N, C-alpha and C. Protein backbone atom coordinates (compact mmCIF):
# COMPACT_ATOMS: atom_id res chain seq x y z
N UNK A 1 127.75 199.69 76.80
CA UNK A 1 126.79 199.06 75.91
C UNK A 1 126.92 197.55 76.07
N UNK A 2 125.82 196.94 76.40
CA UNK A 2 125.83 195.49 76.48
C UNK A 2 125.06 194.95 75.28
N UNK A 3 125.46 193.82 74.82
CA UNK A 3 124.79 193.25 73.66
C UNK A 3 125.51 192.01 73.21
N UNK A 4 125.00 191.40 72.20
CA UNK A 4 125.56 190.19 71.62
C UNK A 4 126.85 190.53 70.89
N UNK A 5 127.80 189.63 70.90
CA UNK A 5 129.06 189.81 70.19
C UNK A 5 129.03 188.97 68.92
N UNK A 6 129.37 189.57 67.81
CA UNK A 6 129.44 188.83 66.55
C UNK A 6 130.67 189.28 65.78
N UNK A 7 131.43 188.33 65.32
CA UNK A 7 132.63 188.59 64.51
C UNK A 7 133.46 189.73 65.08
N UNK A 8 133.62 189.74 66.40
CA UNK A 8 134.51 190.71 67.03
C UNK A 8 133.89 192.05 67.36
N UNK A 9 132.63 192.27 67.04
CA UNK A 9 132.02 193.56 67.38
C UNK A 9 130.73 193.34 68.14
N UNK A 10 130.47 194.26 69.07
CA UNK A 10 129.25 194.16 69.88
C UNK A 10 128.06 194.64 69.07
N UNK A 11 126.91 194.06 69.33
CA UNK A 11 125.68 194.46 68.66
C UNK A 11 124.82 195.16 69.70
N UNK A 12 124.45 196.39 69.40
CA UNK A 12 123.62 197.17 70.31
C UNK A 12 122.28 196.47 70.50
N UNK A 13 121.72 196.51 71.72
CA UNK A 13 120.44 195.82 71.96
C UNK A 13 119.31 196.27 71.04
N UNK A 14 119.28 197.54 70.68
CA UNK A 14 118.22 198.01 69.77
C UNK A 14 118.38 197.36 68.40
N UNK A 15 119.63 197.23 67.96
CA UNK A 15 119.89 196.59 66.67
C UNK A 15 119.51 195.11 66.75
N UNK A 16 119.88 194.46 67.86
CA UNK A 16 119.55 193.05 68.03
C UNK A 16 118.04 192.84 68.03
N UNK A 17 117.32 193.73 68.67
CA UNK A 17 115.86 193.64 68.68
C UNK A 17 115.30 193.75 67.26
N UNK A 18 115.83 194.71 66.49
CA UNK A 18 115.38 194.88 65.11
C UNK A 18 115.68 193.68 64.25
N UNK A 19 116.87 193.09 64.43
CA UNK A 19 117.24 191.90 63.65
C UNK A 19 116.38 190.70 64.04
N UNK A 20 116.06 190.59 65.32
CA UNK A 20 115.18 189.49 65.77
C UNK A 20 113.80 189.63 65.16
N UNK A 21 113.26 190.84 65.15
CA UNK A 21 111.95 191.07 64.54
C UNK A 21 111.99 190.76 63.05
N UNK A 22 113.04 191.21 62.37
CA UNK A 22 113.19 190.93 60.95
C UNK A 22 113.21 189.43 60.70
N UNK A 23 113.95 188.69 61.50
CA UNK A 23 114.01 187.23 61.36
C UNK A 23 112.66 186.58 61.56
N UNK A 24 111.94 187.03 62.60
CA UNK A 24 110.60 186.48 62.85
C UNK A 24 109.65 186.80 61.70
N UNK A 25 109.77 188.01 61.17
CA UNK A 25 108.91 188.39 60.05
C UNK A 25 109.21 187.56 58.80
N UNK A 26 110.47 187.27 58.57
CA UNK A 26 110.84 186.42 57.43
C UNK A 26 110.30 185.01 57.63
N UNK A 27 110.41 184.49 58.84
CA UNK A 27 109.88 183.15 59.13
C UNK A 27 108.37 183.12 58.92
N UNK A 28 107.68 184.15 59.37
CA UNK A 28 106.23 184.21 59.19
C UNK A 28 105.86 184.28 57.71
N UNK A 29 106.59 185.10 56.94
CA UNK A 29 106.33 185.21 55.50
C UNK A 29 106.58 183.88 54.81
N UNK A 30 107.61 183.17 55.23
CA UNK A 30 107.90 181.85 54.65
C UNK A 30 106.76 180.88 54.94
N UNK A 31 106.31 180.84 56.19
CA UNK A 31 105.23 179.93 56.56
C UNK A 31 103.91 180.31 55.88
N UNK A 32 103.66 181.60 55.71
CA UNK A 32 102.44 182.05 55.03
C UNK A 32 102.41 181.58 53.58
N UNK A 33 103.60 181.40 52.99
CA UNK A 33 103.71 180.91 51.62
C UNK A 33 103.80 179.39 51.57
N UNK A 34 103.62 178.78 52.73
CA UNK A 34 103.64 177.31 52.86
C UNK A 34 104.97 176.71 52.39
N UNK A 35 106.06 177.39 52.70
CA UNK A 35 107.39 176.89 52.34
C UNK A 35 108.05 176.27 53.57
N UNK A 36 108.57 175.07 53.41
CA UNK A 36 109.33 174.44 54.50
C UNK A 36 110.69 175.12 54.57
N UNK A 37 111.39 174.90 55.67
CA UNK A 37 112.74 175.47 55.77
C UNK A 37 113.65 174.89 54.70
N UNK A 38 113.47 173.63 54.38
CA UNK A 38 114.29 172.99 53.35
C UNK A 38 114.03 173.61 51.98
N UNK A 39 112.75 173.81 51.62
CA UNK A 39 112.42 174.42 50.33
C UNK A 39 112.92 175.87 50.25
N UNK A 40 112.75 176.60 51.35
CA UNK A 40 113.20 178.00 51.37
C UNK A 40 114.72 178.07 51.24
N UNK A 41 115.42 177.24 51.98
CA UNK A 41 116.89 177.23 51.91
C UNK A 41 117.35 176.86 50.50
N UNK A 42 116.68 175.92 49.86
CA UNK A 42 117.01 175.54 48.48
C UNK A 42 116.82 176.72 47.53
N UNK A 43 115.71 177.43 47.69
CA UNK A 43 115.47 178.60 46.83
C UNK A 43 116.52 179.68 47.04
N UNK A 44 117.01 179.78 48.26
CA UNK A 44 118.01 180.81 48.60
C UNK A 44 119.42 180.38 48.20
N UNK A 45 119.64 179.09 48.07
CA UNK A 45 120.98 178.59 47.77
C UNK A 45 121.86 178.50 49.01
N UNK A 46 121.24 178.29 50.19
CA UNK A 46 121.98 178.15 51.45
C UNK A 46 121.51 176.88 52.14
N UNK A 47 122.18 176.51 53.24
CA UNK A 47 121.71 175.36 53.99
C UNK A 47 120.69 175.80 55.04
N UNK A 48 120.00 174.82 55.60
CA UNK A 48 118.94 175.12 56.58
C UNK A 48 119.48 175.84 57.80
N UNK A 49 120.71 175.56 58.17
CA UNK A 49 121.31 176.21 59.33
C UNK A 49 121.44 177.71 59.13
N UNK A 50 121.81 178.11 57.92
CA UNK A 50 121.93 179.54 57.60
C UNK A 50 120.56 180.21 57.64
N UNK A 51 119.56 179.54 57.08
CA UNK A 51 118.20 180.07 57.13
C UNK A 51 117.74 180.19 58.58
N UNK A 52 118.02 179.17 59.37
CA UNK A 52 117.63 179.20 60.79
C UNK A 52 118.28 180.38 61.50
N UNK A 53 119.56 180.63 61.22
CA UNK A 53 120.26 181.78 61.83
C UNK A 53 119.62 183.10 61.41
N UNK A 54 119.24 183.21 60.14
CA UNK A 54 118.57 184.42 59.65
C UNK A 54 117.25 184.62 60.38
N UNK A 55 116.47 183.56 60.49
CA UNK A 55 115.16 183.65 61.13
C UNK A 55 115.26 183.89 62.64
N UNK A 56 116.40 183.60 63.23
CA UNK A 56 116.62 183.87 64.66
C UNK A 56 117.16 185.28 64.89
N UNK A 57 117.52 185.98 63.80
CA UNK A 57 118.03 187.34 63.93
C UNK A 57 119.52 187.40 64.23
N UNK A 58 120.26 186.40 63.81
CA UNK A 58 121.71 186.39 64.02
C UNK A 58 122.35 187.54 63.25
N UNK A 59 123.05 188.44 63.94
CA UNK A 59 123.65 189.59 63.27
C UNK A 59 124.83 189.23 62.36
N UNK A 60 125.31 188.01 62.44
CA UNK A 60 126.42 187.59 61.61
C UNK A 60 126.00 187.10 60.23
N UNK A 61 124.71 187.00 59.99
CA UNK A 61 124.21 186.55 58.69
C UNK A 61 124.47 187.65 57.67
N UNK A 62 124.92 187.27 56.49
CA UNK A 62 125.32 188.27 55.49
C UNK A 62 124.12 188.98 54.87
N UNK A 63 124.40 190.15 54.35
CA UNK A 63 123.39 190.92 53.63
C UNK A 63 122.93 190.14 52.40
N UNK A 64 123.84 189.41 51.79
CA UNK A 64 123.48 188.59 50.64
C UNK A 64 122.44 187.54 51.02
N UNK A 65 122.60 186.93 52.19
CA UNK A 65 121.64 185.92 52.66
C UNK A 65 120.27 186.56 52.85
N UNK A 66 120.23 187.74 53.43
CA UNK A 66 118.97 188.46 53.60
C UNK A 66 118.35 188.76 52.23
N UNK A 67 119.17 189.24 51.30
CA UNK A 67 118.66 189.56 49.96
C UNK A 67 118.12 188.31 49.27
N UNK A 68 118.81 187.20 49.41
CA UNK A 68 118.34 185.95 48.79
C UNK A 68 117.01 185.50 49.41
N UNK A 69 116.86 185.67 50.72
CA UNK A 69 115.61 185.30 51.38
C UNK A 69 114.47 186.18 50.88
N UNK A 70 114.70 187.47 50.80
CA UNK A 70 113.66 188.37 50.33
C UNK A 70 113.31 188.08 48.87
N UNK A 71 114.30 187.75 48.08
CA UNK A 71 114.06 187.38 46.68
C UNK A 71 113.19 186.12 46.60
N UNK A 72 113.53 185.13 47.42
CA UNK A 72 112.77 183.88 47.43
C UNK A 72 111.32 184.10 47.86
N UNK A 73 111.10 185.14 48.66
CA UNK A 73 109.75 185.46 49.13
C UNK A 73 109.02 186.44 48.21
N UNK A 74 109.70 186.90 47.16
CA UNK A 74 109.11 187.89 46.27
C UNK A 74 109.05 189.27 46.87
N UNK A 75 109.99 189.57 47.78
CA UNK A 75 109.98 190.85 48.50
C UNK A 75 111.27 191.63 48.32
N UNK A 76 112.06 191.32 47.31
CA UNK A 76 113.35 191.98 47.12
C UNK A 76 113.20 193.48 46.90
N UNK A 77 112.09 193.91 46.30
CA UNK A 77 111.88 195.33 46.05
C UNK A 77 111.90 196.15 47.34
N UNK A 78 111.50 195.55 48.45
CA UNK A 78 111.53 196.25 49.74
C UNK A 78 112.96 196.56 50.16
N UNK A 79 113.86 195.65 49.92
CA UNK A 79 115.27 195.90 50.25
C UNK A 79 115.86 196.95 49.32
N UNK A 80 115.53 196.84 48.05
CA UNK A 80 116.05 197.77 47.05
C UNK A 80 115.63 199.20 47.38
N UNK A 81 114.39 199.37 47.84
CA UNK A 81 113.86 200.71 48.12
C UNK A 81 114.00 201.13 49.58
N UNK A 82 114.70 200.35 50.37
CA UNK A 82 114.80 200.60 51.81
C UNK A 82 115.26 202.02 52.14
N UNK A 83 116.29 202.49 51.51
CA UNK A 83 116.83 203.82 51.80
C UNK A 83 116.61 204.79 50.65
N UNK A 84 115.63 204.50 49.80
CA UNK A 84 115.32 205.37 48.67
C UNK A 84 114.98 206.77 49.16
N UNK A 85 115.53 207.78 48.51
CA UNK A 85 115.30 209.16 48.95
C UNK A 85 113.83 209.55 48.89
N UNK A 86 113.04 208.91 48.06
CA UNK A 86 111.62 209.22 47.98
C UNK A 86 110.87 208.79 49.24
N UNK A 87 111.46 207.86 50.02
CA UNK A 87 110.85 207.43 51.28
C UNK A 87 111.52 208.05 52.49
N UNK A 88 112.48 208.90 52.27
CA UNK A 88 113.25 209.50 53.37
C UNK A 88 112.58 210.81 53.79
N UNK A 89 111.69 210.71 54.77
CA UNK A 89 110.93 211.89 55.21
C UNK A 89 111.84 213.02 55.69
N UNK A 90 112.88 212.68 56.44
CA UNK A 90 113.79 213.72 56.95
C UNK A 90 114.55 214.36 55.80
N UNK A 91 115.02 213.56 54.86
CA UNK A 91 115.71 214.11 53.70
C UNK A 91 114.79 214.98 52.85
N UNK A 92 113.55 214.53 52.70
CA UNK A 92 112.59 215.33 51.92
C UNK A 92 112.27 216.64 52.62
N UNK A 93 112.16 216.60 53.96
CA UNK A 93 111.89 217.84 54.70
C UNK A 93 113.07 218.80 54.58
N UNK A 94 114.30 218.28 54.64
CA UNK A 94 115.47 219.12 54.50
C UNK A 94 115.53 219.73 53.11
N UNK A 95 115.21 218.94 52.11
CA UNK A 95 115.20 219.45 50.73
C UNK A 95 114.10 220.50 50.58
N UNK A 96 112.96 220.27 51.22
CA UNK A 96 111.86 221.24 51.16
C UNK A 96 112.29 222.55 51.81
N UNK A 97 113.04 222.46 52.90
CA UNK A 97 113.52 223.66 53.59
C UNK A 97 114.53 224.44 52.77
N UNK A 98 115.19 223.79 51.84
CA UNK A 98 116.19 224.46 51.01
C UNK A 98 115.56 225.22 49.85
N UNK A 99 114.28 224.99 49.61
CA UNK A 99 113.59 225.69 48.52
C UNK A 99 113.34 227.12 48.97
N UNK A 100 113.68 228.10 48.14
CA UNK A 100 113.48 229.50 48.55
C UNK A 100 112.01 229.81 48.77
N UNK A 101 111.75 230.71 49.72
CA UNK A 101 110.37 231.13 50.00
C UNK A 101 109.81 232.00 48.88
N UNK A 102 110.67 232.84 48.30
CA UNK A 102 110.26 233.74 47.23
C UNK A 102 111.25 233.64 46.09
N UNK A 103 110.76 233.86 44.91
CA UNK A 103 111.61 233.95 43.72
C UNK A 103 111.49 235.38 43.22
N UNK A 104 112.59 236.09 43.18
CA UNK A 104 112.60 237.47 42.71
C UNK A 104 113.06 237.48 41.27
N UNK A 105 112.27 238.15 40.42
CA UNK A 105 112.59 238.24 39.01
C UNK A 105 113.89 239.01 38.85
N UNK A 106 114.77 238.49 38.04
CA UNK A 106 116.02 239.20 37.81
C UNK A 106 115.74 240.39 36.88
N UNK A 107 116.37 241.49 37.20
CA UNK A 107 116.18 242.71 36.41
C UNK A 107 117.29 242.83 35.39
N UNK A 108 116.97 243.43 34.25
CA UNK A 108 118.05 243.64 33.28
C UNK A 108 119.04 244.65 33.86
N UNK A 109 120.30 244.44 33.56
CA UNK A 109 121.33 245.33 34.09
C UNK A 109 121.22 246.70 33.43
N UNK A 110 121.37 247.77 34.26
CA UNK A 110 121.33 249.14 33.77
C UNK A 110 122.75 249.65 33.69
N UNK A 111 122.90 250.72 32.93
CA UNK A 111 124.22 251.33 32.87
C UNK A 111 124.58 251.86 34.24
N UNK A 112 125.80 251.70 34.63
CA UNK A 112 126.23 252.16 35.95
C UNK A 112 126.25 253.69 35.96
N UNK A 113 125.68 254.26 37.02
CA UNK A 113 125.67 255.72 37.20
C UNK A 113 126.74 256.06 38.22
N UNK A 114 127.24 257.25 38.13
CA UNK A 114 128.22 257.64 39.15
C UNK A 114 127.56 257.62 40.52
N UNK A 115 128.31 257.21 41.51
CA UNK A 115 127.81 257.11 42.87
C UNK A 115 127.36 258.49 43.36
N UNK A 116 126.22 258.52 44.02
CA UNK A 116 125.72 259.77 44.59
C UNK A 116 124.83 260.56 43.64
N UNK A 117 124.68 260.15 42.39
CA UNK A 117 123.81 260.88 41.48
C UNK A 117 122.36 260.49 41.75
N UNK A 118 121.45 261.41 41.48
CA UNK A 118 120.03 261.17 41.71
C UNK A 118 119.43 260.47 40.49
N UNK A 119 118.42 259.65 40.72
CA UNK A 119 117.80 258.97 39.58
C UNK A 119 116.94 259.93 38.78
N UNK A 120 116.82 259.64 37.47
CA UNK A 120 115.94 260.43 36.63
C UNK A 120 114.50 260.13 37.02
N UNK A 121 113.57 261.03 36.62
CA UNK A 121 112.16 260.78 36.92
C UNK A 121 111.66 259.51 36.23
N UNK A 122 112.23 259.16 35.10
CA UNK A 122 111.78 257.96 34.38
C UNK A 122 112.19 256.69 35.10
N UNK A 123 113.20 256.77 35.95
CA UNK A 123 113.67 255.58 36.67
C UNK A 123 113.05 255.47 38.05
N UNK A 124 112.22 256.44 38.41
CA UNK A 124 111.65 256.45 39.75
C UNK A 124 110.76 255.20 39.92
N UNK A 125 110.96 254.48 41.02
CA UNK A 125 110.20 253.26 41.24
C UNK A 125 109.04 253.46 42.23
N UNK A 126 108.96 254.65 42.86
CA UNK A 126 107.87 254.90 43.81
C UNK A 126 106.58 255.11 43.05
N UNK A 127 105.46 254.66 43.63
CA UNK A 127 104.18 254.91 42.99
C UNK A 127 103.88 256.43 42.95
N UNK A 128 103.06 256.83 42.01
CA UNK A 128 102.69 258.22 41.85
C UNK A 128 102.18 258.78 43.17
N UNK A 129 102.66 259.93 43.58
CA UNK A 129 102.19 260.59 44.77
C UNK A 129 102.97 260.24 46.03
N UNK A 130 103.95 259.46 45.96
CA UNK A 130 104.72 259.09 47.16
C UNK A 130 105.83 260.05 47.36
């Protein structure tokens, strides 16, 4: 696996691509709100260098920094609901598969009969004529 190294661990290229896209999307959202890097960093409580690293997709940026950026953009709810089970299609499909296909009504318990005895006509469950 080749990839960027951060704080002693390698970052898989797919992860790096995702982080870069996330950073670009945050930068675009900031610019769409007409916020300068200085104003955004002030709202987040970080310096401009940290914001720049986030917007470049640096994997060493903390989750707290990401959360503060999303909060400053009014998008924190997206992070909060990121792994919500209601949005987890695979989890929902697995839960759906665990639901029984049929529900059988439970019968009241009968007195135990000795093994091998024949049922009375009143207990016969076959339809008439079978």
